[in-house]
Protein backbone atom coordinates (compact mmCIF):
# COMPACT_ATOMS: atom_id res chain seq x y z
CA VAL A 1 0.00 0.00 0.00
CA VAL A 2 2.81 2.42 0.92
CA ARG A 3 4.74 1.51 -2.25
CA ASP A 4 1.63 2.19 -4.38
CA PHE A 5 1.22 5.56 -2.71
CA THR A 6 4.92 6.33 -3.20
CA ASP A 7 4.49 5.77 -6.93
CA THR A 8 1.46 8.09 -6.88
CA LEU A 9 3.43 10.69 -4.88
CA SER A 10 6.13 10.54 -7.53
CA LEU A 11 3.57 11.61 -10.15
CA VAL A 12 2.24 14.37 -7.90
CA ALA A 13 5.81 15.66 -7.37
CA ARG A 14 6.03 16.09 -11.16
CA GLY A 15 2.87 18.20 -11.15
CA GLU A 16 0.41 15.47 -12.18
CA LEU A 17 -2.68 14.54 -10.19
CA PRO A 18 -3.54 10.96 -11.15
CA SER A 19 -7.17 9.92 -10.98
CA ILE A 20 -6.30 7.27 -8.36
CA TYR A 21 -4.79 9.82 -5.95
CA PHE A 22 -7.77 10.07 -3.60
CA ASP A 23 -8.37 6.30 -3.74
CA GLU A 24 -4.72 5.79 -2.75
CA ILE A 25 -5.13 8.27 0.14
CA THR A 26 -8.15 6.29 1.37
CA ARG A 27 -6.29 2.96 1.12
CA LEU A 28 -3.25 4.40 2.90
CA ASN A 29 -5.43 5.82 5.69
CA GLU A 30 -7.06 2.42 6.20
CA PHE A 31 -3.70 0.64 6.13
CA LEU A 32 -2.10 3.00 8.67
CA THR A 33 -5.17 2.75 10.91
CA SER A 34 -4.90 -1.05 10.93
CA ILE A 35 -1.17 -0.87 11.70
CA GLN A 36 -1.76 1.56 14.53
CA HIS A 37 -4.37 -0.74 16.06
CA SER A 38 -2.04 -3.74 15.90
CA VAL A 39 1.24 -2.10 17.01
CA PRO A 40 1.01 -0.72 20.55
CA GLY A 41 2.88 2.45 21.37
CA ILE A 42 2.40 4.27 18.09
CA ASP A 43 0.22 7.27 18.82
CA ALA A 44 0.28 8.87 15.38
CA VAL A 45 1.57 8.11 11.90
CA ARG A 46 1.82 10.75 9.21
CA VAL A 47 2.80 10.76 5.54
CA MET A 48 4.19 14.02 4.21
CA ASP A 49 5.16 15.42 0.85
CA PRO A 50 8.74 16.69 0.24
CA ALA A 51 7.80 20.11 1.65
CA GLY A 52 6.73 18.53 4.95
CA VAL A 53 3.00 19.04 4.31
CA THR A 54 0.97 16.29 5.96
CA LEU A 55 -1.07 14.37 3.39
CA VAL A 56 -2.24 11.48 5.56
CA LYS A 57 -2.39 11.31 9.33
CA VAL A 58 -3.75 8.66 11.65
CA LYS A 59 -3.79 9.60 15.32
CA PHE A 60 -4.88 7.20 18.07
CA GLY A 61 -6.48 4.98 15.41
CA ASN A 62 -8.58 7.82 13.95
CA GLN A 63 -8.28 9.62 10.66
CA PRO A 64 -8.60 13.39 11.10
CA THR A 65 -10.63 15.41 8.64
CA ALA A 66 -8.74 17.06 5.79
CA GLY A 67 -8.93 20.47 7.48
CA ASN A 68 -7.21 19.14 10.61
CA LEU A 69 -4.11 17.70 8.93
CA ALA A 70 -2.00 20.82 9.30
CA ALA A 71 0.54 20.74 12.08
CA ASP A 72 0.33 23.18 14.94
CA SER A 73 3.90 24.31 14.33
CA GLN A 74 6.17 25.29 11.49
CA VAL A 75 8.23 22.70 9.68
CA ASP A 76 11.87 22.75 10.79
CA VAL A 77 13.44 23.54 7.41
CA ALA A 78 16.96 22.50 8.46
CA PHE A 79 15.70 19.14 9.70
CA LEU A 80 13.56 18.72 6.58
CA ASN A 81 16.69 19.22 4.47
CA ARG A 82 18.47 16.51 6.49
CA ILE A 83 15.61 14.13 5.75
CA ARG A 84 15.65 14.98 2.05
CA ASN A 85 19.34 14.00 1.93
CA LEU A 86 18.82 10.58 3.51
CA LYS A 87 19.75 7.57 1.47
CA PRO A 88 16.88 5.23 0.51
CA HIS A 89 15.74 2.96 3.36
CA SER A 90 17.42 5.16 5.97
CA LEU A 91 15.98 6.10 9.34
CA LEU A 92 16.39 9.36 11.20
CA TYR A 93 15.09 10.37 14.62
CA GLY A 94 14.09 13.95 15.26
CA GLU A 95 11.39 16.56 15.60
CA LEU A 96 10.03 17.53 12.21
CA TYR A 97 7.90 20.32 13.60
CA VAL A 98 9.38 23.00 15.80
CA SER A 99 7.51 25.39 17.96
CA ASN A 100 8.49 28.58 19.72
CA ASP A 101 6.36 27.29 22.59
CA ALA A 102 8.59 25.03 24.71
CA SER A 103 5.50 23.43 26.28
CA LYS A 104 4.81 21.75 22.92
CA GLN A 105 8.17 19.97 22.84
CA GLN A 106 7.56 16.29 22.22
CA PRO A 107 8.79 13.84 24.85
CA LEU A 108 10.28 11.41 22.32
CA LEU A 109 11.91 11.93 18.97
CA ASN A 110 10.02 10.62 15.95
CA PRO A 111 11.43 7.99 13.61
CA ILE A 112 11.20 9.37 10.07
CA VAL A 113 11.85 7.43 6.87
CA PRO A 114 11.98 8.84 3.33
CA LEU A 115 9.56 7.42 0.77
CA ASP A 116 11.66 6.89 -2.33
CA ASN A 117 10.48 6.38 -5.89
CA THR A 118 12.08 3.81 -8.21
CA ASN A 119 14.85 6.33 -9.06
CA GLY A 120 15.81 6.62 -5.38
CA GLU A 121 14.45 10.17 -5.07
CA ALA A 122 12.60 11.12 -1.89
CA VAL A 123 9.02 11.96 -2.89
CA GLY A 124 7.74 12.10 0.67
CA PHE A 125 8.29 10.92 4.22
CA ILE A 126 6.59 8.76 6.78
CA ALA A 127 6.89 9.55 10.48
CA ALA A 128 5.65 7.76 13.58
CA GLU A 129 4.96 9.51 16.86
CA SER A 130 4.89 7.99 20.31
CA PHE A 131 4.15 9.86 23.47
CA GLY A 132 5.79 7.24 25.67
CA ASP A 133 2.82 5.70 27.51
CA PRO A 134 3.92 2.08 26.90
CA LEU A 135 7.46 2.87 28.09
CA ASP A 136 6.12 4.59 31.20
CA HIS A 137 3.91 1.62 32.00
CA LEU A 138 6.74 -0.87 31.47
CA LEU A 139 9.16 1.09 33.66
CA GLN A 140 6.59 1.70 36.39
CA VAL A 141 5.75 -2.00 36.81
CA LEU A 142 9.37 -3.15 36.56
CA PRO A 143 10.37 -4.74 39.90
CA ARG A 144 13.04 -2.83 41.79
CA SER A 145 15.16 -4.08 44.66
CA HIS A 146 17.39 -2.28 47.15
CA ASN A 147 15.68 1.09 46.50
CA PHE A 148 16.86 0.97 42.88
CA GLN A 149 15.63 3.96 40.85
CA ILE A 150 15.62 4.46 37.11
CA GLU A 151 16.61 7.63 35.29
CA ILE A 152 16.75 7.87 31.48
CA VAL A 153 18.45 10.84 29.84
CA GLU A 154 18.63 11.82 26.19
CA LEU A 155 22.19 12.14 24.89
CA ASN A 156 21.92 14.25 21.77
CA PRO A 157 24.93 16.59 21.31
CA ALA A 158 23.60 17.68 17.89
CA ASN A 159 20.55 19.23 19.57
CA SER A 160 21.43 21.47 22.50
CA GLU A 161 17.74 21.87 23.44
CA ARG A 162 17.39 18.12 24.04
CA HIS A 163 20.91 17.09 25.03
CA GLY A 164 20.86 15.97 28.66
CA LEU A 165 17.05 16.11 28.87
CA ILE A 166 15.70 13.81 31.57
CA LEU A 167 13.05 11.67 29.87
CA TYR A 168 12.20 9.40 32.78
CA SER A 169 13.08 9.60 36.46
CA ASP A 170 11.67 7.70 39.41
CA SER A 171 13.12 10.14 41.93
CA GLN A 172 11.76 13.27 40.18
CA ASN A 173 8.46 11.76 38.97
CA ILE A 174 9.28 12.51 35.33
CA LEU A 175 7.53 10.36 32.72
CA PHE A 176 8.14 9.86 29.01
CA ASN A 177 4.58 10.89 28.16
CA GLN A 178 4.77 14.39 29.60
CA LYS A 179 5.86 17.50 27.76
CA HIS A 180 9.42 18.35 28.75
CA SER A 181 9.36 22.14 28.73
CA ASN A 182 10.15 22.43 32.47
CA THR A 183 12.09 19.21 32.82
CA PRO A 184 15.64 19.74 34.11
CA LYS A 185 18.64 18.56 32.22
CA LEU A 186 21.00 16.06 33.81
CA TRP A 187 23.52 18.73 34.81
CA GLN A 188 20.81 21.05 36.25
CA GLN A 189 19.80 18.73 39.08
């Protein structure tokens, strides 16, 4: 289904709108919805064109209306350029959308994969989003002995905003699924 849509996206990138475009969108929506229902931990999946415009989005197993596909934030152009330069079948973690509002910072980075046509050109991208609920649940029920406490920190020297960010901490009651705008960094404790 994704390969069929990639071929259709390739035509759209050349300025053509094939008659099957909207049928392909419907099939892709149904496919992503079924994947999201069967793979726990994926909160949203989106397919974007090369400009980062969301074409298909499934969030919590639901397909938003066409008017609600736009992201709340601007596309991070520098990050979008990094994705465009990925080799076929590559994977990159990051935040595609940036916001001036730190309270909207996502707790986890999104895996993003380019959708390549038969010539190896990126004609779009697919991104998955997880807000961390399954990780929180797993870590919270994990048996601990001898007052053992868990702390998970993001090491990301390429991104000074996230480098050292505490993503999970028993002692500070920090969970993956919360926004990390006020979360201290490791060296700020």
